[in-house]
């Protein structure tokens, strides 16, 4: 007998498929018009969503663990923790506001 059972698609293939809701901000970064439309479609009581650009970096295992722990215990998204840390760092370093040549 043959098995006619079809395996469901895995989560990775769903993330890669264009047009699915499972795609993150990096998938929408190439569509600035779509971001503007999303911001305009926000209800009056909410602030518009921030637009993020794709970013990748390496962290030491100690910093990754600290980030994971803080994110878990404070119930805060890692991106929000990193945004706050970068904002504080840039505020303390005036060269971050100097335009590039």
N, C-alpha and C. Protein backbone atom coordinates (compact mmCIF):
# COMPACT_ATOMS: atom_id res chain seq x y z
N UNK A 1 0.83 -1.20 0.00
CA UNK A 1 0.00 0.00 0.00
C UNK A 1 0.87 1.25 0.00
N UNK A 2 0.39 2.27 -0.64
CA UNK A 2 1.13 3.52 -0.66
C UNK A 2 0.54 4.48 0.36
N UNK A 3 1.40 5.27 0.92
CA UNK A 3 0.98 6.23 1.93
C UNK A 3 0.60 7.52 1.22
N UNK A 4 -0.65 7.93 1.30
CA UNK A 4 -1.10 9.14 0.62
C UNK A 4 -1.06 10.35 1.55
N UNK A 5 -0.48 10.20 2.72
CA UNK A 5 -0.38 11.31 3.66
C UNK A 5 0.63 12.32 3.16
N UNK A 6 0.23 13.58 3.08
CA UNK A 6 1.14 14.67 2.69
C UNK A 6 1.59 15.40 3.94
N UNK A 7 2.88 15.56 4.07
CA UNK A 7 3.41 16.28 5.22
C UNK A 7 3.10 17.77 5.09
N UNK A 8 2.71 18.42 6.17
CA UNK A 8 2.47 19.87 6.10
C UNK A 8 3.79 20.61 5.88
N UNK A 9 3.67 21.79 5.30
CA UNK A 9 4.87 22.59 5.06
C UNK A 9 5.49 23.02 6.38
N UNK A 10 6.79 23.08 6.39
CA UNK A 10 7.45 23.51 7.60
C UNK A 10 7.39 25.03 7.74
N UNK A 11 7.68 25.52 8.93
CA UNK A 11 7.58 26.95 9.23
C UNK A 11 8.54 27.78 8.39
N UNK A 12 9.71 27.23 8.08
CA UNK A 12 10.70 27.99 7.30
C UNK A 12 10.17 28.28 5.91
N UNK A 13 9.53 27.29 5.28
CA UNK A 13 9.01 27.54 3.93
C UNK A 13 7.87 28.55 3.97
N UNK A 14 7.10 28.58 5.05
CA UNK A 14 6.05 29.59 5.18
C UNK A 14 6.63 30.99 5.34
N UNK A 15 7.77 31.09 6.05
CA UNK A 15 8.40 32.39 6.23
C UNK A 15 8.95 32.91 4.91
N UNK A 16 9.40 32.02 4.05
CA UNK A 16 10.00 32.44 2.80
C UNK A 16 8.99 32.73 1.72
N UNK A 17 7.78 32.29 1.87
CA UNK A 17 6.77 32.48 0.84
C UNK A 17 6.28 33.93 0.85
N UNK A 18 6.39 34.64 -0.30
CA UNK A 18 5.92 36.03 -0.33
C UNK A 18 4.41 36.09 -0.13
N UNK A 19 3.98 37.12 0.56
CA UNK A 19 2.56 37.34 0.75
C UNK A 19 1.99 36.70 1.99
N UNK A 20 2.78 35.96 2.76
CA UNK A 20 2.26 35.37 3.99
C UNK A 20 2.45 36.36 5.13
N UNK A 21 1.65 36.22 6.14
CA UNK A 21 1.75 37.12 7.28
C UNK A 21 2.91 36.76 8.19
N UNK A 22 3.58 35.65 7.93
CA UNK A 22 4.66 35.20 8.80
C UNK A 22 5.97 35.92 8.52
N UNK A 23 5.99 36.79 7.54
CA UNK A 23 7.23 37.48 7.22
C UNK A 23 7.46 38.63 8.19
N UNK A 24 8.72 38.84 8.55
CA UNK A 24 9.08 39.88 9.50
C UNK A 24 9.33 41.22 8.82
N UNK A 25 9.85 42.20 9.57
CA UNK A 25 10.09 43.53 9.03
C UNK A 25 11.10 43.54 7.89
N UNK A 26 12.05 42.62 7.89
CA UNK A 26 13.05 42.62 6.83
C UNK A 26 12.42 42.30 5.48
N UNK A 27 11.34 41.54 5.46
CA UNK A 27 10.68 41.23 4.21
C UNK A 27 9.94 42.44 3.67
N UNK A 28 9.55 43.34 4.55
CA UNK A 28 8.82 44.53 4.11
C UNK A 28 9.73 45.74 3.91
N UNK A 29 11.00 45.62 4.23
CA UNK A 29 11.90 46.76 4.14
C UNK A 29 12.07 47.26 2.71
N UNK A 30 11.89 46.37 1.75
CA UNK A 30 12.05 46.79 0.36
C UNK A 30 10.78 47.41 -0.20
N UNK A 31 9.75 47.58 0.61
CA UNK A 31 8.49 48.12 0.16
C UNK A 31 8.11 49.36 0.96
N UNK A 32 8.77 50.52 0.73
CA UNK A 32 8.47 51.69 1.54
C UNK A 32 7.04 52.18 1.40
N UNK A 33 6.42 52.01 0.24
CA UNK A 33 5.04 52.46 0.06
C UNK A 33 4.11 51.66 0.96
N UNK A 34 4.40 50.38 1.12
CA UNK A 34 3.57 49.55 1.99
C UNK A 34 3.68 49.99 3.44
N UNK A 35 4.87 50.40 3.86
CA UNK A 35 5.05 50.87 5.23
C UNK A 35 4.27 52.15 5.47
N UNK A 36 4.28 53.05 4.50
CA UNK A 36 3.53 54.29 4.65
C UNK A 36 2.04 54.00 4.74
N UNK A 37 1.55 53.05 3.96
CA UNK A 37 0.15 52.69 3.99
C UNK A 37 -0.22 52.08 5.34
N UNK A 38 0.66 51.23 5.89
CA UNK A 38 0.40 50.64 7.20
C UNK A 38 0.33 51.71 8.28
N UNK A 39 1.23 52.68 8.23
CA UNK A 39 1.26 53.74 9.24
C UNK A 39 -0.01 54.59 9.17
N UNK A 40 -0.49 54.84 7.96
CA UNK A 40 -1.69 55.64 7.81
C UNK A 40 -2.94 54.88 8.24
N UNK A 41 -2.88 53.54 8.17
CA UNK A 41 -4.04 52.73 8.49
C UNK A 41 -4.20 52.49 9.99
N UNK A 42 -3.29 52.97 10.81
CA UNK A 42 -3.38 52.78 12.26
C UNK A 42 -4.60 53.53 12.81
N UNK A 43 -5.28 52.93 13.78
CA UNK A 43 -6.39 53.62 14.42
C UNK A 43 -5.90 54.89 15.11
N UNK A 44 -6.81 55.82 15.35
CA UNK A 44 -6.46 57.12 15.90
C UNK A 44 -5.82 57.03 17.28
N UNK A 45 -6.15 56.01 18.07
CA UNK A 45 -5.64 55.89 19.42
C UNK A 45 -4.24 55.32 19.53
N UNK A 46 -3.72 54.76 18.45
CA UNK A 46 -2.41 54.11 18.50
C UNK A 46 -1.37 54.91 17.75
N UNK A 47 -0.13 54.79 18.22
CA UNK A 47 0.99 55.41 17.51
C UNK A 47 1.36 54.53 16.32
N UNK A 48 1.82 55.12 15.22
CA UNK A 48 2.20 54.31 14.07
C UNK A 48 3.40 53.42 14.41
N UNK A 49 3.47 52.27 13.74
CA UNK A 49 4.57 51.34 13.97
C UNK A 49 5.86 51.91 13.41
N UNK A 50 6.98 51.60 14.10
CA UNK A 50 8.28 52.03 13.62
C UNK A 50 8.69 51.16 12.45
N UNK A 51 9.40 51.75 11.51
CA UNK A 51 9.97 50.99 10.40
C UNK A 51 11.37 50.57 10.80
N UNK A 52 11.69 49.31 10.64
CA UNK A 52 13.00 48.79 10.98
C UNK A 52 13.73 48.35 9.72
N UNK A 53 15.05 48.48 9.74
CA UNK A 53 15.87 47.99 8.64
C UNK A 53 16.52 46.69 9.09
N UNK A 54 16.81 45.80 8.16
CA UNK A 54 17.46 44.54 8.55
C UNK A 54 18.83 44.82 9.17
N UNK A 55 19.14 44.10 10.23
CA UNK A 55 20.41 44.29 10.91
C UNK A 55 20.83 42.96 11.51
N UNK A 56 22.09 42.67 11.40
CA UNK A 56 22.61 41.44 11.99
C UNK A 56 23.94 41.75 12.64
N UNK A 57 24.18 41.14 13.77
CA UNK A 57 25.42 41.36 14.47
C UNK A 57 25.74 40.13 15.31
N UNK A 58 26.95 40.08 15.79
CA UNK A 58 27.34 39.00 16.68
C UNK A 58 27.40 39.53 18.10
N UNK A 59 26.99 38.70 19.04
CA UNK A 59 27.05 39.03 20.45
C UNK A 59 27.89 37.99 21.17
N UNK A 60 28.51 38.39 22.26
CA UNK A 60 29.20 37.40 23.08
C UNK A 60 28.15 36.52 23.73
N UNK A 61 28.51 35.31 24.08
CA UNK A 61 27.53 34.43 24.76
C UNK A 61 26.98 35.05 26.05
N UNK A 62 27.82 35.80 26.76
CA UNK A 62 27.38 36.43 28.00
C UNK A 62 26.32 37.51 27.73
N UNK A 63 26.55 38.32 26.68
CA UNK A 63 25.57 39.36 26.34
C UNK A 63 24.28 38.75 25.80
N UNK A 64 24.40 37.67 25.02
CA UNK A 64 23.20 37.00 24.51
C UNK A 64 22.38 36.44 25.65
N UNK A 65 23.04 35.83 26.62
CA UNK A 65 22.34 35.29 27.78
C UNK A 65 21.66 36.41 28.57
N UNK A 66 22.39 37.51 28.80
CA UNK A 66 21.81 38.64 29.54
C UNK A 66 20.60 39.22 28.79
N UNK A 67 20.71 39.31 27.46
CA UNK A 67 19.60 39.83 26.66
C UNK A 67 18.40 38.89 26.74
N UNK A 68 18.64 37.60 26.64
CA UNK A 68 17.55 36.62 26.74
C UNK A 68 16.89 36.68 28.12
N UNK A 69 17.70 36.77 29.17
CA UNK A 69 17.15 36.81 30.52
C UNK A 69 16.33 38.08 30.75
N UNK A 70 16.88 39.21 30.34
CA UNK A 70 16.15 40.48 30.52
C UNK A 70 14.86 40.48 29.71
N UNK A 71 14.93 39.99 28.50
CA UNK A 71 13.73 39.93 27.67
C UNK A 71 12.66 39.05 28.30
N UNK A 72 13.07 37.91 28.83
CA UNK A 72 12.11 37.00 29.45
C UNK A 72 11.50 37.59 30.72
N UNK A 73 12.35 38.01 31.64
CA UNK A 73 11.85 38.45 32.95
C UNK A 73 11.14 39.79 32.89
N UNK A 74 11.53 40.67 31.98
CA UNK A 74 10.86 41.97 31.89
C UNK A 74 9.68 41.94 30.92
N UNK A 75 9.53 40.80 30.24
CA UNK A 75 8.46 40.65 29.24
C UNK A 75 8.55 41.76 28.18
N UNK A 76 9.78 42.03 27.75
CA UNK A 76 10.06 43.07 26.78
C UNK A 76 10.71 42.43 25.55
N UNK A 77 10.34 42.89 24.39
CA UNK A 77 10.93 42.36 23.15
C UNK A 77 12.41 42.73 23.09
N UNK A 78 13.19 41.82 22.55
CA UNK A 78 14.64 42.06 22.45
C UNK A 78 14.93 43.30 21.62
N UNK A 79 14.14 43.53 20.57
CA UNK A 79 14.39 44.71 19.73
C UNK A 79 14.17 45.99 20.53
N UNK A 80 13.22 45.99 21.45
CA UNK A 80 12.98 47.19 22.28
C UNK A 80 14.12 47.41 23.26
N UNK A 81 14.67 46.33 23.82
CA UNK A 81 15.81 46.45 24.73
C UNK A 81 17.02 47.00 23.97
N UNK A 82 17.28 46.46 22.80
CA UNK A 82 18.43 46.93 22.01
C UNK A 82 18.24 48.37 21.54
N UNK A 83 17.01 48.75 21.18
CA UNK A 83 16.74 50.14 20.79
C UNK A 83 17.03 51.09 21.95
N UNK A 84 16.60 50.74 23.15
CA UNK A 84 16.83 51.59 24.32
C UNK A 84 18.32 51.68 24.63
N UNK A 85 19.03 50.55 24.53
CA UNK A 85 20.47 50.55 24.80
C UNK A 85 21.22 51.40 23.77
N UNK A 86 20.86 51.28 22.52
CA UNK A 86 21.51 52.09 21.47
C UNK A 86 21.20 53.57 21.64
N UNK A 87 19.96 53.89 21.97
CA UNK A 87 19.59 55.30 22.17
C UNK A 87 20.40 55.91 23.32
N UNK A 88 20.57 55.17 24.41
CA UNK A 88 21.36 55.67 25.54
C UNK A 88 22.83 55.82 25.15
N UNK A 89 23.35 54.86 24.39
CA UNK A 89 24.75 54.92 23.96
C UNK A 89 24.97 56.11 23.04
N UNK A 90 24.08 56.32 22.08
CA UNK A 90 24.22 57.43 21.14
C UNK A 90 24.07 58.78 21.84
N UNK A 91 23.22 58.85 22.86
CA UNK A 91 23.05 60.10 23.61
C UNK A 91 24.34 60.47 24.34
N UNK A 92 25.11 59.47 24.74
CA UNK A 92 26.36 59.73 25.47
C UNK A 92 27.54 59.99 24.53
N UNK A 93 27.36 59.77 23.24
CA UNK A 93 28.44 59.96 22.27
C UNK A 93 27.98 60.94 21.18
N UNK A 94 28.33 62.23 21.31
CA UNK A 94 27.86 63.25 20.37
C UNK A 94 28.29 63.00 18.92
N UNK A 95 29.37 62.25 18.72
CA UNK A 95 29.81 61.99 17.34
C UNK A 95 28.76 61.19 16.55
N UNK A 96 27.87 60.51 17.26
CA UNK A 96 26.84 59.75 16.55
C UNK A 96 25.84 60.67 15.83
N UNK A 97 25.83 61.95 16.19
CA UNK A 97 24.92 62.92 15.54
C UNK A 97 25.61 63.71 14.43
N UNK A 98 26.92 63.54 14.28
CA UNK A 98 27.67 64.28 13.28
C UNK A 98 27.44 63.64 11.91
N UNK A 99 27.04 64.43 10.91
CA UNK A 99 26.79 63.85 9.57
C UNK A 99 28.06 63.23 8.98
N UNK A 100 27.86 62.21 8.19
CA UNK A 100 28.98 61.58 7.50
C UNK A 100 29.40 62.43 6.30
N UNK A 101 30.69 62.37 5.92
CA UNK A 101 31.14 63.19 4.79
C UNK A 101 30.60 62.65 3.47
